[in-house]
C-alpha atoms as a PDB file:
ATOM      1  CA  MET A   1      15.788 157.340  73.627  1.00  0.00           C
ATOM      2  CA  SER A   2      16.286 157.198  69.808  1.00  0.00           C
ATOM      3  CA  GLU A   3      17.453 153.997  68.091  1.00  0.00           C
ATOM      4  CA  SER A   4      20.487 156.154  66.761  1.00  0.00           C
ATOM      5  CA  ASN A   5      21.977 156.365  69.835  1.00  0.00           C
ATOM      6  CA  PRO A   6      24.624 153.749  70.692  1.00  0.00           C
ATOM      7  CA  ILE A   7      23.721 150.783  73.289  1.00  0.00           C
ATOM      8  CA  PHE A   8      26.809 150.407  75.377  1.00  0.00           C
ATOM      9  CA  TYR A   9      27.629 147.268  77.386  1.00  0.00           C
ATOM     10  CA  HIS A  10      29.716 147.609  80.319  1.00  0.00           C
ATOM     11  CA  SER A  11      30.685 146.217  83.379  1.00  0.00           C
ATOM     12  CA  PRO A  12      32.452 148.304  86.449  1.00  0.00           C
ATOM     13  CA  GLN A  13      36.344 148.003  87.155  1.00  0.00           C
ATOM     14  CA  THR A  14      36.756 146.469  83.530  1.00  0.00           C
ATOM     15  CA  ARG A  15      38.381 148.049  80.350  1.00  0.00           C
ATOM     16  CA  SER A  16      35.133 149.349  79.316  1.00  0.00           C
ATOM     17  CA  SER A  17      35.326 152.008  82.384  1.00  0.00           C
ATOM     18  CA  SER A  18      37.472 153.995  79.810  1.00  0.00           C
ATOM     19  CA  VAL A  19      34.844 153.995  77.065  1.00  0.00           C
ATOM     20  CA  LEU A  20      32.188 155.351  79.612  1.00  0.00           C
ATOM     21  CA  VAL A  21      34.713 157.974  80.442  1.00  0.00           C
ATOM     22  CA  LEU A  22      34.990 158.433  76.418  1.00  0.00           C
ATOM     23  CA  LEU A  23      31.155 158.702  76.084  1.00  0.00           C
ATOM     24  CA  GLU A  24      31.035 161.361  79.003  1.00  0.00           C
ATOM     25  CA  GLU A  25      34.015 163.315  77.358  1.00  0.00           C
ATOM     26  CA  LEU A  26      32.169 163.323  74.001  1.00  0.00           C
ATOM     27  CA  ASP A  27      28.790 164.361  75.516  1.00  0.00           C
ATOM     28  CA  ALA A  28      27.152 161.591  73.381  1.00  0.00           C
ATOM     29  CA  PRO A  29      24.103 160.152  74.261  1.00  0.00           C
ATOM     30  CA  TYR A  30      23.974 156.343  75.082  1.00  0.00           C
ATOM     31  CA  LYS A  31      21.936 153.631  76.716  1.00  0.00           C
ATOM     32  CA  LEU A  32      23.724 151.810  79.355  1.00  0.00           C
ATOM     33  CA  ARG A  33      23.478 148.162  79.679  1.00  0.00           C
ATOM     34  CA  ASP A  34      25.465 146.981  82.893  1.00  0.00           C
ATOM     35  CA  LEU A  35      26.296 143.604  83.050  1.00  0.00           C
ATOM     36  CA  ASN A  36      27.094 141.985  86.415  1.00  0.00           C
ATOM     37  CA  PHE A  37      30.537 140.115  85.814  1.00  0.00           C
ATOM     38  CA  LYS A  38      30.182 138.687  89.504  1.00  0.00           C
ATOM     39  CA  ALA A  39      26.902 137.161  88.825  1.00  0.00           C
ATOM     40  CA  GLY A  40      28.309 135.433  85.504  1.00  0.00           C
ATOM     41  CA  ALA A  41      25.906 138.005  83.212  1.00  0.00           C
ATOM     42  CA  GLN A  42      28.768 138.016  80.543  1.00  0.00           C
ATOM     43  CA  ARG A  43      28.335 134.142  80.101  1.00  0.00           C
ATOM     44  CA  GLN A  44      24.328 134.189  79.698  1.00  0.00           C
ATOM     45  CA  PRO A  45      22.860 133.643  76.408  1.00  0.00           C
ATOM     46  CA  ASP A  46      21.542 137.240  76.037  1.00  0.00           C
ATOM     47  CA  TYR A  47      24.873 138.715  75.967  1.00  0.00           C
ATOM     48  CA  LEU A  48      26.627 135.864  74.236  1.00  0.00           C
ATOM     49  CA  ALA A  49      24.221 136.795  71.488  1.00  0.00           C
ATOM     50  CA  VAL A  50      25.754 140.377  71.321  1.00  0.00           C
ATOM     51  CA  ASN A  51      29.303 139.377  71.885  1.00  0.00           C
ATOM     52  CA  PRO A  52      30.075 135.627  71.711  1.00  0.00           C
ATOM     53  CA  LEU A  53      33.202 135.885  73.633  1.00  0.00           C
ATOM     54  CA  GLY A  54      31.518 137.557  76.558  1.00  0.00           C
ATOM     55  CA  LYS A  55      33.780 140.588  76.802  1.00  0.00           C
ATOM     56  CA  VAL A  56      33.241 144.184  77.341  1.00  0.00           C
ATOM     57  CA  PRO A  57      33.229 146.795  76.072  1.00  0.00           C
ATOM     58  CA  ALA A  58      30.635 146.320  73.268  1.00  0.00           C
ATOM     59  CA  ILE A  59      28.431 148.807  71.423  1.00  0.00           C
ATOM     60  CA  VAL A  60      25.447 148.677  69.167  1.00  0.00           C
ATOM     61  CA  HIS A  61      24.882 151.652  66.840  1.00  0.00           C
ATOM     62  CA  ASN A  62      22.548 151.615  64.188  1.00  0.00           C
ATOM     63  CA  GLY A  63      22.228 147.968  63.927  1.00  0.00           C
ATOM     64  CA  ALA A  64      26.251 147.432  63.794  1.00  0.00           C
ATOM     65  CA  LEU A  65      28.310 145.775  66.701  1.00  0.00           C
ATOM     66  CA  VAL A  66      31.532 147.040  67.484  1.00  0.00           C
ATOM     67  CA  THR A  67      33.965 145.487  69.946  1.00  0.00           C
ATOM     68  CA  GLU A  68      37.510 145.589  70.718  1.00  0.00           C
ATOM     69  CA  LEU A  69      38.557 148.461  73.102  1.00  0.00           C
ATOM     70  CA  GLY A  70      40.652 150.482  70.278  1.00  0.00           C
ATOM     71  CA  ALA A  71      38.239 149.979  67.676  1.00  0.00           C
ATOM     72  CA  VAL A  72      35.415 151.191  69.918  1.00  0.00           C
ATOM     73  CA  PHE A  73      37.486 154.035  70.654  1.00  0.00           C
ATOM     74  CA  ILE A  74      38.058 154.979  67.135  1.00  0.00           C
ATOM     75  CA  TYR A  75      34.163 154.410  66.060  1.00  0.00           C
ATOM     76  CA  LEU A  76      32.721 156.543  68.863  1.00  0.00           C
ATOM     77  CA  ALA A  77      35.228 159.551  68.763  1.00  0.00           C
ATOM     78  CA  ASP A  78      34.273 159.474  64.852  1.00  0.00           C
ATOM     79  CA  ALA A  79      30.653 159.302  65.274  1.00  0.00           C
ATOM     80  CA  PHE A  80      30.425 162.011  67.658  1.00  0.00           C
ATOM     81  CA  PRO A  81      32.980 164.747  66.652  1.00  0.00           C
ATOM     82  CA  GLN A  82      31.216 167.689  68.391  1.00  0.00           C
ATOM     83  CA  LYS A  83      34.072 167.455  71.051  1.00  0.00           C
ATOM     84  CA  GLN A  84      36.850 167.240  68.386  1.00  0.00           C
ATOM     85  CA  LEU A  85      38.343 164.293  70.422  1.00  0.00           C
ATOM     86  CA  ALA A  86      39.804 162.609  67.293  1.00  0.00           C
ATOM     87  CA  PRO A  87      41.651 164.570  64.561  1.00  0.00           C
ATOM     88  CA  ALA A  88      39.840 164.310  61.087  1.00  0.00           C
ATOM     89  CA  ILE A  89      40.961 162.640  58.091  1.00  0.00           C
ATOM     90  CA  GLY A  90      43.404 165.063  56.570  1.00  0.00           C
ATOM     91  CA  ASP A  91      44.599 166.264  59.656  1.00  0.00           C
ATOM     92  CA  PRO A  92      48.291 165.961  60.240  1.00  0.00           C
ATOM     93  CA  LEU A  93      47.453 164.556  63.685  1.00  0.00           C
ATOM     94  CA  ARG A  94      45.233 161.796  62.194  1.00  0.00           C
ATOM     95  CA  GLY A  95      47.897 159.242  61.644  1.00  0.00           C
ATOM     96  CA  PRO A  96      49.704 159.549  65.102  1.00  0.00           C
ATOM     97  CA  TYR A  97      46.342 159.588  66.918  1.00  0.00           C
ATOM     98  CA  LEU A  98      45.445 156.032  65.103  1.00  0.00           C
ATOM     99  CA  ARG A  99      48.875 154.621  65.757  1.00  0.00           C
ATOM    100  CA  TRP A 100      48.552 155.340  69.465  1.00  0.00           C
ATOM    101  CA  LEU A 101      44.984 154.002  69.773  1.00  0.00           C
ATOM    102  CA  VAL A 102      46.055 150.731  67.950  1.00  0.00           C
ATOM    103  CA  PHE A 103      49.602 150.544  69.654  1.00  0.00           C
ATOM    104  CA  TYR A 104      47.903 149.896  72.783  1.00  0.00           C
ATOM    105  CA  GLY A 105      46.123 146.684  72.073  1.00  0.00           C
ATOM    106  CA  SER A 106      48.906 145.553  69.405  1.00  0.00           C
ATOM    107  CA  ALA A 107      52.098 146.179  71.497  1.00  0.00           C
ATOM    108  CA  PHE A 108      51.434 147.687  75.126  1.00  0.00           C
ATOM    109  CA  GLU A 109      48.908 144.839  76.508  1.00  0.00           C
ATOM    110  CA  PRO A 110      50.943 141.811  74.846  1.00  0.00           C
ATOM    111  CA  ALA A 111      54.249 143.395  76.393  1.00  0.00           C
ATOM    112  CA  VAL A 112      52.782 143.914  79.678  1.00  0.00           C
ATOM    113  CA  MET A 113      50.908 140.350  79.769  1.00  0.00           C
ATOM    114  CA  ASP A 114      54.258 138.621  78.774  1.00  0.00           C
ATOM    115  CA  ARG A 115      56.166 140.537  81.311  1.00  0.00           C
ATOM    116  CA  TYR A 116      53.596 139.251  83.985  1.00  0.00           C
ATOM    117  CA  MET A 117      53.762 135.545  82.753  1.00  0.00           C
ATOM    118  CA  LYS A 118      57.375 136.030  82.658  1.00  0.00           C
ATOM    119  CA  LYS A 119      57.550 135.040  79.025  1.00  0.00           C
ATOM    120  CA  GLU A 120      60.305 136.404  76.877  1.00  0.00           C
ATOM    121  CA  PRO A 121      59.381 136.069  73.032  1.00  0.00           C
ATOM    122  CA  PRO A 122      62.252 136.132  70.819  1.00  0.00           C
ATOM    123  CA  ARG A 123      62.785 139.823  69.466  1.00  0.00           C
ATOM    124  CA  SER A 124      62.933 138.953  66.024  1.00  0.00           C
ATOM    125  CA  THR A 125      59.406 137.263  66.102  1.00  0.00           C
ATOM    126  CA  SER A 126      57.762 139.332  68.629  1.00  0.00           C
ATOM    127  CA  ALA A 127      55.032 141.578  67.517  1.00  0.00           C
ATOM    128  CA  TYR A 128      56.067 144.485  69.758  1.00  0.00           C
ATOM    129  CA  GLY A 129      59.910 144.111  70.082  1.00  0.00           C
ATOM    130  CA  ASP A 130      60.615 144.060  73.959  1.00  0.00           C
ATOM    131  CA  PHE A 131      59.020 145.363  77.026  1.00  0.00           C
ATOM    132  CA  GLU A 132      61.754 148.004  77.590  1.00  0.00           C
ATOM    133  CA  GLY A 133      61.361 149.296  74.012  1.00  0.00           C
ATOM    134  CA  VAL A 134      57.655 149.755  74.258  1.00  0.00           C
ATOM    135  CA  MET A 135      57.880 151.542  77.693  1.00  0.00           C
ATOM    136  CA  SER A 136      60.871 153.754  76.282  1.00  0.00           C
ATOM    137  CA  LEU A 137      58.434 154.799  73.323  1.00  0.00           C
ATOM    138  CA  ILE A 138      55.632 155.667  75.690  1.00  0.00           C
ATOM    139  CA  ASN A 139      57.809 157.682  77.913  1.00  0.00           C
ATOM    140  CA  ASP A 140      59.430 159.666  75.118  1.00  0.00           C
ATOM    141  CA  GLN A 141      56.339 160.454  73.727  1.00  0.00           C
ATOM    142  CA  LEU A 142      54.743 161.631  77.086  1.00  0.00           C
ATOM    143  CA  ALA A 143      57.875 163.965  77.373  1.00  0.00           C
ATOM    144  CA  THR A 144      56.649 165.954  74.598  1.00  0.00           C
ATOM    145  CA  GLY A 145      53.335 166.493  76.404  1.00  0.00           C
ATOM    146  CA  PRO A 146      50.878 167.440  77.920  1.00  0.00           C
ATOM    147  CA  TYR A 147      49.464 164.768  76.069  1.00  0.00           C
ATOM    148  CA  LEU A 148      50.213 162.133  73.645  1.00  0.00           C
ATOM    149  CA  LEU A 149      49.678 164.456  70.571  1.00  0.00           C
ATOM    150  CA  GLY A 150      51.435 167.501  72.424  1.00  0.00           C
ATOM    151  CA  GLU A 151      48.929 170.173  73.269  1.00  0.00           C
ATOM    152  CA  ARG A 152      46.110 168.330  71.717  1.00  0.00           C
ATOM    153  CA  PHE A 153      43.911 166.122  74.032  1.00  0.00           C
ATOM    154  CA  THR A 154      42.470 163.464  72.323  1.00  0.00           C
ATOM    155  CA  ALA A 155      40.577 160.128  72.990  1.00  0.00           C
ATOM    156  CA  ALA A 156      43.797 158.471  72.781  1.00  0.00           C
ATOM    157  CA  ASP A 157      44.469 160.034  76.117  1.00  0.00           C
ATOM    158  CA  ILE A 158      41.474 158.518  77.742  1.00  0.00           C
ATOM    159  CA  LEU A 159      42.546 155.252  76.632  1.00  0.00           C
ATOM    160  CA  TRP A 160      46.169 155.416  77.907  1.00  0.00           C
ATOM    161  CA  ALA A 161      45.697 157.488  81.024  1.00  0.00           C
ATOM    162  CA  SER A 162      43.099 154.806  81.978  1.00  0.00           C
ATOM    163  CA  ALA A 163      45.563 151.939  80.999  1.00  0.00           C
ATOM    164  CA  LEU A 164      48.555 153.347  82.600  1.00  0.00           C
ATOM    165  CA  ARG A 165      46.577 154.166  85.828  1.00  0.00           C
ATOM    166  CA  TRP A 166      45.690 150.238  86.299  1.00  0.00           C
ATOM    167  CA  THR A 167      48.877 148.807  84.986  1.00  0.00           C
ATOM    168  CA  THR A 168      50.975 151.192  87.344  1.00  0.00           C
ATOM    169  CA  GLY A 169      48.550 150.671  90.063  1.00  0.00           C
ATOM    170  CA  PHE A 170      48.983 146.796  90.203  1.00  0.00           C
ATOM    171  CA  GLY A 171      53.018 147.190  89.632  1.00  0.00           C
ATOM    172  CA  LEU A 172      53.002 145.899  86.022  1.00  0.00           C
ATOM    173  CA  VAL A 173      54.521 149.195  84.589  1.00  0.00           C
ATOM    174  CA  PRO A 174      56.938 151.295  86.042  1.00  0.00           C
ATOM    175  CA  ALA A 175      55.478 154.590  87.427  1.00  0.00           C
ATOM    176  CA  SER A 176      58.109 157.060  85.743  1.00  0.00           C
ATOM    177  CA  PRO A 177      57.652 160.825  86.336  1.00  0.00           C
ATOM    178  CA  GLN A 178      56.320 161.306  82.937  1.00  0.00           C
ATOM    179  CA  ILE A 179      53.674 158.570  83.280  1.00  0.00           C
ATOM    180  CA  THR A 180      52.722 159.486  86.872  1.00  0.00           C
ATOM    181  CA  ALA A 181      52.105 163.292  86.026  1.00  0.00           C
ATOM    182  CA  TYR A 182      50.495 162.111  82.668  1.00  0.00           C
ATOM    183  CA  ILE A 183      47.921 159.781  84.758  1.00  0.00           C
ATOM    184  CA  ASP A 184      47.279 162.718  87.407  1.00  0.00           C
ATOM    185  CA  ARG A 185      46.675 165.176  84.570  1.00  0.00           C
ATOM    186  CA  VAL A 186      44.199 163.423  82.840  1.00  0.00           C
ATOM    187  CA  THR A 187      42.246 161.487  85.342  1.00  0.00           C
ATOM    188  CA  SER A 188      41.581 164.484  87.231  1.00  0.00           C
ATOM    189  CA  ARG A 189      39.217 165.543  84.414  1.00  0.00           C
ATOM    190  CA  PRO A 190      35.433 165.813  85.648  1.00  0.00           C
ATOM    191  CA  ALA A 191      34.562 162.927  83.376  1.00  0.00           C
ATOM    192  CA  PHE A 192      37.061 160.500  85.285  1.00  0.00           C
ATOM    193  CA  VAL A 193      35.423 161.479  88.749  1.00  0.00           C
ATOM    194  CA  ARG A 194      31.783 160.957  87.361  1.00  0.00           C
ATOM    195  CA  VAL A 195      32.528 157.461  86.024  1.00  0.00           C
ATOM    196  CA  ALA A 196      34.423 156.528  89.227  1.00  0.00           C
ATOM    197  CA  GLU A 197      31.387 157.418  91.003  1.00  0.00           C
ATOM    198  CA  THR A 198      29.225 155.452  88.715  1.00  0.00           C
ATOM    199  CA  ASP A 199      31.224 152.266  88.769  1.00  0.00           C
ATOM    200  CA  ALA A 200      31.340 152.465  92.531  1.00  0.00           C
ATOM    201  CA  GLN A 201      27.616 152.580  92.613  1.00  0.00           C
ATOM    202  CA  LEU A 202      27.248 149.772  90.056  1.00  0.00           C
ATOM    203  CA  LEU A 203      29.977 147.664  91.936  1.00  0.00           C
ATOM    204  CA  LYS A 204      27.743 147.949  95.144  1.00  0.00           C
ATOM    205  CA  VAL A 205      24.500 146.870  93.328  1.00  0.00           C
ATOM    206  CA  HIS A 206      26.449 144.021  91.631  1.00  0.00           C
ATOM    207  CA  GLU A 207      28.425 142.706  94.937  1.00  0.00           C
ATOM    208  CA  ALA A 208      24.753 142.766  96.751  1.00  0.00           C
ATOM    209  CA  ALA A 209      23.151 141.028  93.752  1.00  0.00           C
ATOM    210  CA  ALA A 210      25.841 138.221  93.752  1.00  0.00           C
ATOM    211  CA  ALA A 211      25.833 137.830  97.449  1.00  0.00           C
ATOM    212  CA  ALA A 212      21.694 137.409  97.330  1.00  0.00           C
ATOM    213  CA  VAL A 213      22.376 134.541  94.772  1.00  0.00           C
ATOM    214  CA  GLU A 214      24.933 132.803  96.781  1.00  0.00           C
ATOM    215  CA  GLY A 215      23.038 133.127 100.103  1.00  0.00           C
END
């Protein structure tokens, strides 16, 4: 495999699964490096030399390291434009596309985690306002559907459908009719099905390896 192909660091049942879906949707070549979190691979020196925080996803492409979920999505969708999953610079949808990719990490995740931890930050200093406002904005946007940007399916939909599926699944986010229909619509795509199968196989291997070490 050529050095120009990204090396993708991944562990099943983590946020990096959505990046694996993106790579499949992009039909992009990549080299998968799976990390066994159950065996603590994310804290081993080899991986800490890649990402000192020991998190996934991470990619290395043409010698450059990219971490943080939103940044990885932006980078990959631009680096592999053949499927047109990222509106190009100059496209009127480029701004809304970037807005929703960044909104996930800057507003949605903090709002969900504060809610889970039963923290109520003062609205005047909160980075996202309040949880209800965040969810209202998401539901209103999805009502314009079928996708976040209307008729245009983009990389942002992969990120958001993945995030909404796990947050509603754990009861962290109310499953409104708009959200439920959106999750079903996006996650029924073949790339999501393939990644679910890949993750299930990796998880079995990881669990067996961790059990062997403990035994």
